[in-house]
PDB file of N, CA and C in Angstrom:
ATOM      1  N   MET A   1     -79.853 -25.695 -33.629  1.00  0.00           N
ATOM      2  CA  MET A   1     -79.304 -26.785 -32.853  1.00  0.00           C
ATOM      3  C   MET A   1     -78.149 -27.374 -33.721  1.00  0.00           C
ATOM      4  N   ILE A   2     -77.019 -27.570 -33.108  1.00  0.00           N
ATOM      5  CA  ILE A   2     -75.886 -28.214 -33.804  1.00  0.00           C
ATOM      6  C   ILE A   2     -76.014 -29.722 -33.830  1.00  0.00           C
ATOM      7  N   GLU A   3     -75.925 -30.333 -35.012  1.00  0.00           N
ATOM      8  CA  GLU A   3     -76.066 -31.715 -35.103  1.00  0.00           C
ATOM      9  C   GLU A   3     -74.714 -32.372 -35.394  1.00  0.00           C
ATOM     10  N   LEU A   4     -74.236 -33.268 -34.534  1.00  0.00           N
ATOM     11  CA  LEU A   4     -73.007 -33.915 -34.620  1.00  0.00           C
ATOM     12  C   LEU A   4     -73.152 -35.358 -35.027  1.00  0.00           C
ATOM     13  N   LEU A   5     -72.394 -35.820 -35.978  1.00  0.00           N
ATOM     14  CA  LEU A   5     -72.317 -37.231 -36.302  1.00  0.00           C
ATOM     15  C   LEU A   5     -71.123 -37.778 -35.524  1.00  0.00           C
ATOM     16  N   ARG A   6     -71.244 -39.011 -35.068  1.00  0.00           N
ATOM     17  CA  ARG A   6     -70.204 -39.575 -34.278  1.00  0.00           C
ATOM     18  C   ARG A   6     -69.832 -40.946 -34.867  1.00  0.00           C
ATOM     19  N   ALA A   7     -68.562 -41.233 -34.796  1.00  0.00           N
ATOM     20  CA  ALA A   7     -68.010 -42.453 -35.327  1.00  0.00           C
ATOM     21  C   ALA A   7     -67.956 -43.516 -34.199  1.00  0.00           C
ATOM     22  N   GLU A   8     -68.610 -44.663 -34.402  1.00  0.00           N
ATOM     23  CA  GLU A   8     -68.519 -45.679 -33.335  1.00  0.00           C
ATOM     24  C   GLU A   8     -67.196 -46.136 -32.988  1.00  0.00           C
ATOM     25  N   SER A   9     -66.277 -46.097 -33.928  1.00  0.00           N
ATOM     26  CA  SER A   9     -64.887 -46.519 -33.625  1.00  0.00           C
ATOM     27  C   SER A   9     -64.089 -45.486 -32.701  1.00  0.00           C
ATOM     28  N   LEU A  10     -64.692 -44.299 -32.560  1.00  0.00           N
ATOM     29  CA  LEU A  10     -64.075 -43.303 -31.720  1.00  0.00           C
ATOM     30  C   LEU A  10     -64.849 -43.075 -30.367  1.00  0.00           C
ATOM     31  N   ASN A  11     -65.682 -44.062 -30.018  1.00  0.00           N
ATOM     32  CA  ASN A  11     -66.598 -43.840 -28.845  1.00  0.00           C
ATOM     33  C   ASN A  11     -65.827 -43.508 -27.559  1.00  0.00           C
ATOM     34  N   SER A  12     -64.553 -43.923 -27.453  1.00  0.00           N
ATOM     35  CA  SER A  12     -63.859 -43.687 -26.227  1.00  0.00           C
ATOM     36  C   SER A  12     -63.359 -42.233 -26.166  1.00  0.00           C
ATOM     37  N   LEU A  13     -63.495 -41.479 -27.231  1.00  0.00           N
ATOM     38  CA  LEU A  13     -63.000 -40.087 -27.281  1.00  0.00           C
ATOM     39  C   LEU A  13     -64.170 -39.121 -27.537  1.00  0.00           C
ATOM     40  N   PRO A  14     -64.169 -37.930 -26.911  1.00  0.00           N
ATOM     41  CA  PRO A  14     -65.223 -36.961 -27.270  1.00  0.00           C
ATOM     42  C   PRO A  14     -64.912 -36.485 -28.649  1.00  0.00           C
ATOM     43  N   HIS A  15     -65.831 -36.658 -29.543  1.00  0.00           N
ATOM     44  CA  HIS A  15     -65.606 -36.215 -30.941  1.00  0.00           C
ATOM     45  C   HIS A  15     -66.997 -35.990 -31.616  1.00  0.00           C
ATOM     46  N   GLY A  16     -66.946 -35.321 -32.706  1.00  0.00           N
ATOM     47  CA  GLY A  16     -68.148 -35.116 -33.547  1.00  0.00           C
ATOM     48  C   GLY A  16     -67.815 -34.481 -34.814  1.00  0.00           C
ATOM     49  N   PHE A  17     -68.545 -34.789 -35.834  1.00  0.00           N
ATOM     50  CA  PHE A  17     -68.373 -34.254 -37.149  1.00  0.00           C
ATOM     51  C   PHE A  17     -69.644 -33.409 -37.465  1.00  0.00           C
ATOM     52  N   ALA A  18     -69.466 -32.165 -37.660  1.00  0.00           N
ATOM     53  CA  ALA A  18     -70.586 -31.244 -37.842  1.00  0.00           C
ATOM     54  C   ALA A  18     -70.830 -30.895 -39.312  1.00  0.00           C
ATOM     55  N   GLY A  19     -72.059 -30.687 -39.644  1.00  0.00           N
ATOM     56  CA  GLY A  19     -72.421 -30.091 -40.858  1.00  0.00           C
ATOM     57  C   GLY A  19     -72.545 -28.615 -40.789  1.00  0.00           C
ATOM     58  N   ARG A  20     -73.403 -27.987 -41.593  1.00  0.00           N
ATOM     59  CA  ARG A  20     -73.573 -26.558 -41.539  1.00  0.00           C
ATOM     60  C   ARG A  20     -74.803 -26.143 -40.705  1.00  0.00           C
ATOM     61  N   ARG A  21     -75.628 -27.013 -40.226  1.00  0.00           N
ATOM     62  CA  ARG A  21     -76.831 -26.655 -39.441  1.00  0.00           C
ATOM     63  C   ARG A  21     -76.537 -26.085 -38.139  1.00  0.00           C
ATOM     64  N   GLY A  22     -77.211 -25.026 -37.705  1.00  0.00           N
ATOM     65  CA  GLY A  22     -77.162 -24.556 -36.374  1.00  0.00           C
ATOM     66  C   GLY A  22     -76.240 -23.378 -36.156  1.00  0.00           C
ATOM     67  N   GLY A  23     -75.514 -22.914 -37.092  1.00  0.00           N
ATOM     68  CA  GLY A  23     -74.573 -21.831 -36.887  1.00  0.00           C
ATOM     69  C   GLY A  23     -75.236 -20.428 -37.054  1.00  0.00           C
ATOM     70  N   VAL A  24     -74.428 -19.432 -36.814  1.00  0.00           N
ATOM     71  CA  VAL A  24     -74.913 -18.016 -36.899  1.00  0.00           C
ATOM     72  C   VAL A  24     -74.434 -17.276 -38.172  1.00  0.00           C
ATOM     73  N   SER A  25     -73.635 -17.884 -38.967  1.00  0.00           N
ATOM     74  CA  SER A  25     -73.135 -17.227 -40.176  1.00  0.00           C
ATOM     75  C   SER A  25     -74.261 -17.046 -41.181  1.00  0.00           C
ATOM     76  N   THR A  26     -74.031 -15.959 -42.018  1.00  0.00           N
ATOM     77  CA  THR A  26     -75.093 -15.623 -43.030  1.00  0.00           C
ATOM     78  C   THR A  26     -74.446 -15.653 -44.327  1.00  0.00           C
ATOM     79  N   GLY A  27     -75.287 -15.401 -45.325  1.00  0.00           N
ATOM     80  CA  GLY A  27     -74.796 -15.212 -46.724  1.00  0.00           C
ATOM     81  C   GLY A  27     -74.249 -16.599 -47.291  1.00  0.00           C
ATOM     82  N   VAL A  28     -73.083 -16.436 -48.013  1.00  0.00           N
ATOM     83  CA  VAL A  28     -72.505 -17.616 -48.610  1.00  0.00           C
ATOM     84  C   VAL A  28     -71.903 -18.501 -47.596  1.00  0.00           C
ATOM     85  N   HIS A  29     -71.740 -18.068 -46.349  1.00  0.00           N
ATOM     86  CA  HIS A  29     -71.134 -18.929 -45.275  1.00  0.00           C
ATOM     87  C   HIS A  29     -72.244 -19.308 -44.351  1.00  0.00           C
ATOM     88  N   ALA A  30     -73.506 -19.175 -44.738  1.00  0.00           N
ATOM     89  CA  ALA A  30     -74.634 -19.467 -43.857  1.00  0.00           C
ATOM     90  C   ALA A  30     -74.521 -20.786 -43.152  1.00  0.00           C
ATOM     91  N   GLY A  31     -74.736 -20.726 -41.787  1.00  0.00           N
ATOM     92  CA  GLY A  31     -74.716 -21.861 -40.983  1.00  0.00           C
ATOM     93  C   GLY A  31     -73.497 -21.947 -40.092  1.00  0.00           C
ATOM     94  N   LEU A  32     -73.028 -23.130 -39.851  1.00  0.00           N
ATOM     95  CA  LEU A  32     -71.963 -23.353 -38.860  1.00  0.00           C
ATOM     96  C   LEU A  32     -70.605 -23.341 -39.515  1.00  0.00           C
ATOM     97  N   ASN A  33     -70.122 -22.173 -39.976  1.00  0.00           N
ATOM     98  CA  ASN A  33     -68.848 -22.019 -40.528  1.00  0.00           C
ATOM     99  C   ASN A  33     -67.793 -21.844 -39.413  1.00  0.00           C
ATOM    100  N   VAL A  34     -66.886 -22.758 -39.228  1.00  0.00           N
ATOM    101  CA  VAL A  34     -65.921 -22.689 -38.200  1.00  0.00           C
ATOM    102  C   VAL A  34     -64.514 -22.339 -38.774  1.00  0.00           C
ATOM    103  N   GLY A  35     -64.412 -22.028 -40.005  1.00  0.00           N
ATOM    104  CA  GLY A  35     -63.176 -21.747 -40.652  1.00  0.00           C
ATOM    105  C   GLY A  35     -62.651 -20.332 -40.498  1.00  0.00           C
ATOM    106  N   LEU A  36     -61.586 -20.200 -39.610  1.00  0.00           N
ATOM    107  CA  LEU A  36     -60.969 -18.951 -39.378  1.00  0.00           C
ATOM    108  C   LEU A  36     -60.281 -18.376 -40.603  1.00  0.00           C
ATOM    109  N   GLY A  37     -59.997 -19.185 -41.599  1.00  0.00           N
ATOM    110  CA  GLY A  37     -59.367 -18.715 -42.797  1.00  0.00           C
ATOM    111  C   GLY A  37     -60.360 -18.220 -43.898  1.00  0.00           C
ATOM    112  N   SER A  38     -61.652 -18.311 -43.526  1.00  0.00           N
ATOM    113  CA  SER A  38     -62.662 -17.976 -44.545  1.00  0.00           C
ATOM    114  C   SER A  38     -62.821 -16.448 -44.542  1.00  0.00           C
ATOM    115  N   GLN A  39     -63.615 -15.964 -45.510  1.00  0.00           N
ATOM    116  CA  GLN A  39     -63.892 -14.525 -45.609  1.00  0.00           C
ATOM    117  C   GLN A  39     -65.169 -14.166 -44.736  1.00  0.00           C
ATOM    118  N   ASP A  40     -65.642 -15.069 -43.932  1.00  0.00           N
ATOM    119  CA  ASP A  40     -66.776 -14.913 -43.084  1.00  0.00           C
ATOM    120  C   ASP A  40     -66.469 -13.840 -41.971  1.00  0.00           C
ATOM    121  N   ASP A  41     -67.459 -13.286 -41.376  1.00  0.00           N
ATOM    122  CA  ASP A  41     -67.264 -12.373 -40.269  1.00  0.00           C
ATOM    123  C   ASP A  41     -66.619 -13.142 -39.132  1.00  0.00           C
ATOM    124  N   ARG A  42     -65.484 -12.593 -38.582  1.00  0.00           N
ATOM    125  CA  ARG A  42     -64.796 -13.294 -37.619  1.00  0.00           C
ATOM    126  C   ARG A  42     -65.553 -13.559 -36.362  1.00  0.00           C
ATOM    127  N   ASP A  43     -66.360 -12.541 -35.910  1.00  0.00           N
ATOM    128  CA  ASP A  43     -67.161 -12.772 -34.711  1.00  0.00           C
ATOM    129  C   ASP A  43     -68.119 -13.934 -34.900  1.00  0.00           C
ATOM    130  N   ALA A  44     -68.708 -14.032 -36.078  1.00  0.00           N
ATOM    131  CA  ALA A  44     -69.613 -15.137 -36.404  1.00  0.00           C
ATOM    132  C   ALA A  44     -68.876 -16.499 -36.305  1.00  0.00           C
ATOM    133  N   VAL A  45     -67.662 -16.560 -36.888  1.00  0.00           N
ATOM    134  CA  VAL A  45     -66.845 -17.794 -36.875  1.00  0.00           C
ATOM    135  C   VAL A  45     -66.462 -18.188 -35.386  1.00  0.00           C
ATOM    136  N   LEU A  46     -66.173 -17.165 -34.621  1.00  0.00           N
ATOM    137  CA  LEU A  46     -65.799 -17.510 -33.303  1.00  0.00           C
ATOM    138  C   LEU A  46     -67.034 -17.948 -32.479  1.00  0.00           C
ATOM    139  N   ARG A  47     -68.158 -17.376 -32.723  1.00  0.00           N
ATOM    140  CA  ARG A  47     -69.368 -17.862 -32.054  1.00  0.00           C
ATOM    141  C   ARG A  47     -69.724 -19.245 -32.548  1.00  0.00           C
ATOM    142  N   ASN A  48     -69.595 -19.513 -33.797  1.00  0.00           N
ATOM    143  CA  ASN A  48     -69.822 -20.864 -34.378  1.00  0.00           C
ATOM    144  C   ASN A  48     -68.911 -21.954 -33.721  1.00  0.00           C
ATOM    145  N   ARG A  49     -67.666 -21.536 -33.555  1.00  0.00           N
ATOM    146  CA  ARG A  49     -66.713 -22.434 -32.921  1.00  0.00           C
ATOM    147  C   ARG A  49     -67.087 -22.747 -31.476  1.00  0.00           C
ATOM    148  N   ALA A  50     -67.525 -21.694 -30.763  1.00  0.00           N
ATOM    149  CA  ALA A  50     -68.018 -21.916 -29.388  1.00  0.00           C
ATOM    150  C   ALA A  50     -69.249 -22.833 -29.412  1.00  0.00           C
ATOM    151  N   LEU A  51     -70.209 -22.621 -30.302  1.00  0.00           N
ATOM    152  CA  LEU A  51     -71.358 -23.457 -30.397  1.00  0.00           C
ATOM    153  C   LEU A  51     -71.006 -24.878 -30.680  1.00  0.00           C
ATOM    154  N   ALA A  52     -70.077 -25.157 -31.641  1.00  0.00           N
ATOM    155  CA  ALA A  52     -69.648 -26.440 -31.929  1.00  0.00           C
ATOM    156  C   ALA A  52     -69.075 -27.184 -30.807  1.00  0.00           C
ATOM    157  N   ALA A  53     -68.106 -26.483 -30.097  1.00  0.00           N
ATOM    158  CA  ALA A  53     -67.463 -27.044 -28.883  1.00  0.00           C
ATOM    159  C   ALA A  53     -68.483 -27.371 -27.837  1.00  0.00           C
ATOM    160  N   GLU A  54     -69.357 -26.474 -27.548  1.00  0.00           N
ATOM    161  CA  GLU A  54     -70.409 -26.698 -26.513  1.00  0.00           C
ATOM    162  C   GLU A  54     -71.286 -27.915 -26.885  1.00  0.00           C
ATOM    163  N   ALA A  55     -71.591 -28.068 -28.182  1.00  0.00           N
ATOM    164  CA  ALA A  55     -72.442 -29.221 -28.598  1.00  0.00           C
ATOM    165  C   ALA A  55     -71.707 -30.522 -28.349  1.00  0.00           C
ATOM    166  N   LEU A  56     -70.399 -30.485 -28.473  1.00  0.00           N
ATOM    167  CA  LEU A  56     -69.605 -31.726 -28.272  1.00  0.00           C
ATOM    168  C   LEU A  56     -69.459 -32.073 -26.794  1.00  0.00           C
ATOM    169  N   LEU A  57     -68.919 -31.079 -26.011  1.00  0.00           N
ATOM    170  CA  LEU A  57     -68.677 -31.307 -24.627  1.00  0.00           C
ATOM    171  C   LEU A  57     -68.573 -29.950 -23.950  1.00  0.00           C
ATOM    172  N   PRO A  58     -69.461 -29.696 -22.999  1.00  0.00           N
ATOM    173  CA  PRO A  58     -69.385 -28.317 -22.327  1.00  0.00           C
ATOM    174  C   PRO A  58     -67.976 -28.060 -21.864  1.00  0.00           C
ATOM    175  N   ASP A  59     -67.591 -26.766 -22.087  1.00  0.00           N
ATOM    176  CA  ASP A  59     -66.197 -26.252 -21.745  1.00  0.00           C
ATOM    177  C   ASP A  59     -65.069 -26.913 -22.549  1.00  0.00           C
ATOM    178  N   ALA A  60     -65.394 -27.606 -23.627  1.00  0.00           N
ATOM    179  CA  ALA A  60     -64.385 -28.219 -24.471  1.00  0.00           C
ATOM    180  C   ALA A  60     -63.719 -27.238 -25.352  1.00  0.00           C
ATOM    181  N   GLY A  61     -62.537 -27.500 -25.749  1.00  0.00           N
ATOM    182  CA  GLY A  61     -61.820 -26.808 -26.774  1.00  0.00           C
ATOM    183  C   GLY A  61     -62.240 -27.438 -28.143  1.00  0.00           C
ATOM    184  N   LEU A  62     -62.057 -26.600 -29.153  1.00  0.00           N
ATOM    185  CA  LEU A  62     -62.286 -27.075 -30.522  1.00  0.00           C
ATOM    186  C   LEU A  62     -61.002 -27.193 -31.318  1.00  0.00           C
ATOM    187  N   VAL A  63     -60.739 -28.333 -31.906  1.00  0.00           N
ATOM    188  CA  VAL A  63     -59.514 -28.551 -32.758  1.00  0.00           C
ATOM    189  C   VAL A  63     -59.969 -28.673 -34.134  1.00  0.00           C
ATOM    190  N   THR A  64     -59.486 -27.843 -34.986  1.00  0.00           N
ATOM    191  CA  THR A  64     -59.772 -27.953 -36.423  1.00  0.00           C
ATOM    192  C   THR A  64     -58.430 -27.790 -37.166  1.00  0.00           C
ATOM    193  N   VAL A  65     -58.499 -28.263 -38.445  1.00  0.00           N
ATOM    194  CA  VAL A  65     -57.351 -28.048 -39.379  1.00  0.00           C
ATOM    195  C   VAL A  65     -57.789 -27.290 -40.596  1.00  0.00           C
ATOM    196  N   HIS A  66     -56.864 -26.795 -41.340  1.00  0.00           N
ATOM    197  CA  HIS A  66     -57.225 -26.250 -42.607  1.00  0.00           C
ATOM    198  C   HIS A  66     -57.370 -27.380 -43.575  1.00  0.00           C
ATOM    199  N   GLN A  67     -58.601 -27.474 -44.112  1.00  0.00           N
ATOM    200  CA  GLN A  67     -58.972 -28.658 -44.994  1.00  0.00           C
ATOM    201  C   GLN A  67     -58.380 -28.521 -46.356  1.00  0.00           C
ATOM    202  N   VAL A  68     -57.659 -29.536 -46.760  1.00  0.00           N
ATOM    203  CA  VAL A  68     -57.204 -29.582 -48.262  1.00  0.00           C
ATOM    204  C   VAL A  68     -57.502 -30.995 -48.695  1.00  0.00           C
ATOM    205  N   HIS A  69     -57.645 -31.166 -49.926  1.00  0.00           N
ATOM    206  CA  HIS A  69     -57.887 -32.509 -50.524  1.00  0.00           C
ATOM    207  C   HIS A  69     -56.488 -33.066 -50.905  1.00  0.00           C
ATOM    208  N   SER A  70     -56.034 -33.918 -49.957  1.00  0.00           N
ATOM    209  CA  SER A  70     -54.747 -34.492 -50.168  1.00  0.00           C
ATOM    210  C   SER A  70     -54.659 -35.785 -49.372  1.00  0.00           C
ATOM    211  N   PRO A  71     -53.602 -36.625 -49.503  1.00  0.00           N
ATOM    212  CA  PRO A  71     -53.467 -37.801 -48.692  1.00  0.00           C
ATOM    213  C   PRO A  71     -52.739 -37.497 -47.340  1.00  0.00           C
ATOM    214  N   ASP A  72     -52.505 -36.224 -47.053  1.00  0.00           N
ATOM    215  CA  ASP A  72     -51.791 -35.861 -45.785  1.00  0.00           C
ATOM    216  C   ASP A  72     -52.604 -36.118 -44.549  1.00  0.00           C
ATOM    217  N   VAL A  73     -51.990 -36.548 -43.470  1.00  0.00           N
ATOM    218  CA  VAL A  73     -52.706 -36.809 -42.233  1.00  0.00           C
ATOM    219  C   VAL A  73     -52.040 -35.913 -41.140  1.00  0.00           C
ATOM    220  N   VAL A  74     -52.897 -35.322 -40.314  1.00  0.00           N
ATOM    221  CA  VAL A  74     -52.454 -34.511 -39.180  1.00  0.00           C
ATOM    222  C   VAL A  74     -52.879 -35.298 -37.846  1.00  0.00           C
ATOM    223  N   THR A  75     -51.905 -35.468 -36.998  1.00  0.00           N
ATOM    224  CA  THR A  75     -52.201 -36.155 -35.799  1.00  0.00           C
ATOM    225  C   THR A  75     -52.044 -35.168 -34.593  1.00  0.00           C
ATOM    226  N   VAL A  76     -53.134 -34.951 -33.801  1.00  0.00           N
ATOM    227  CA  VAL A  76     -53.149 -34.070 -32.714  1.00  0.00           C
ATOM    228  C   VAL A  76     -52.927 -34.916 -31.414  1.00  0.00           C
ATOM    229  N   THR A  77     -51.800 -34.544 -30.724  1.00  0.00           N
ATOM    230  CA  THR A  77     -51.447 -35.256 -29.528  1.00  0.00           C
ATOM    231  C   THR A  77     -51.587 -34.495 -28.259  1.00  0.00           C
ATOM    232  N   GLY A  78     -52.046 -33.262 -28.357  1.00  0.00           N
ATOM    233  CA  GLY A  78     -52.216 -32.442 -27.118  1.00  0.00           C
ATOM    234  C   GLY A  78     -52.870 -31.185 -27.448  1.00  0.00           C
ATOM    235  N   PRO A  79     -53.033 -30.241 -26.461  1.00  0.00           N
ATOM    236  CA  PRO A  79     -53.665 -28.970 -26.742  1.00  0.00           C
ATOM    237  C   PRO A  79     -52.922 -28.175 -27.808  1.00  0.00           C
ATOM    238  N   THR A  80     -53.659 -27.357 -28.528  1.00  0.00           N
ATOM    239  CA  THR A  80     -53.078 -26.492 -29.477  1.00  0.00           C
ATOM    240  C   THR A  80     -53.202 -24.985 -29.058  1.00  0.00           C
ATOM    241  N   ASP A  81     -52.592 -24.093 -29.801  1.00  0.00           N
ATOM    242  CA  ASP A  81     -52.610 -22.748 -29.465  1.00  0.00           C
ATOM    243  C   ASP A  81     -53.777 -21.948 -29.982  1.00  0.00           C
ATOM    244  N   ASP A  82     -54.772 -22.589 -30.700  1.00  0.00           N
ATOM    245  CA  ASP A  82     -55.895 -21.978 -31.273  1.00  0.00           C
ATOM    246  C   ASP A  82     -56.860 -21.472 -30.304  1.00  0.00           C
TER     247      ASP A  82
END
């Protein structure tokens, strides 16, 4: 089961912050790895992304970014090509 944390300040938007529980990846990527840039099995990552989106809102798309540790901010204003 995918566990999503939700921010009260974002209650008007469908959103969720997921940990690693509930995914199909194995080995060092075990769990809910949604990173397309990782060395994980691509089919597992795509399945994880579908599971995460479904846990949030049935038939929803999933928007992610490549995570880096910096002060940069990315604003999503519409659908993406992912």
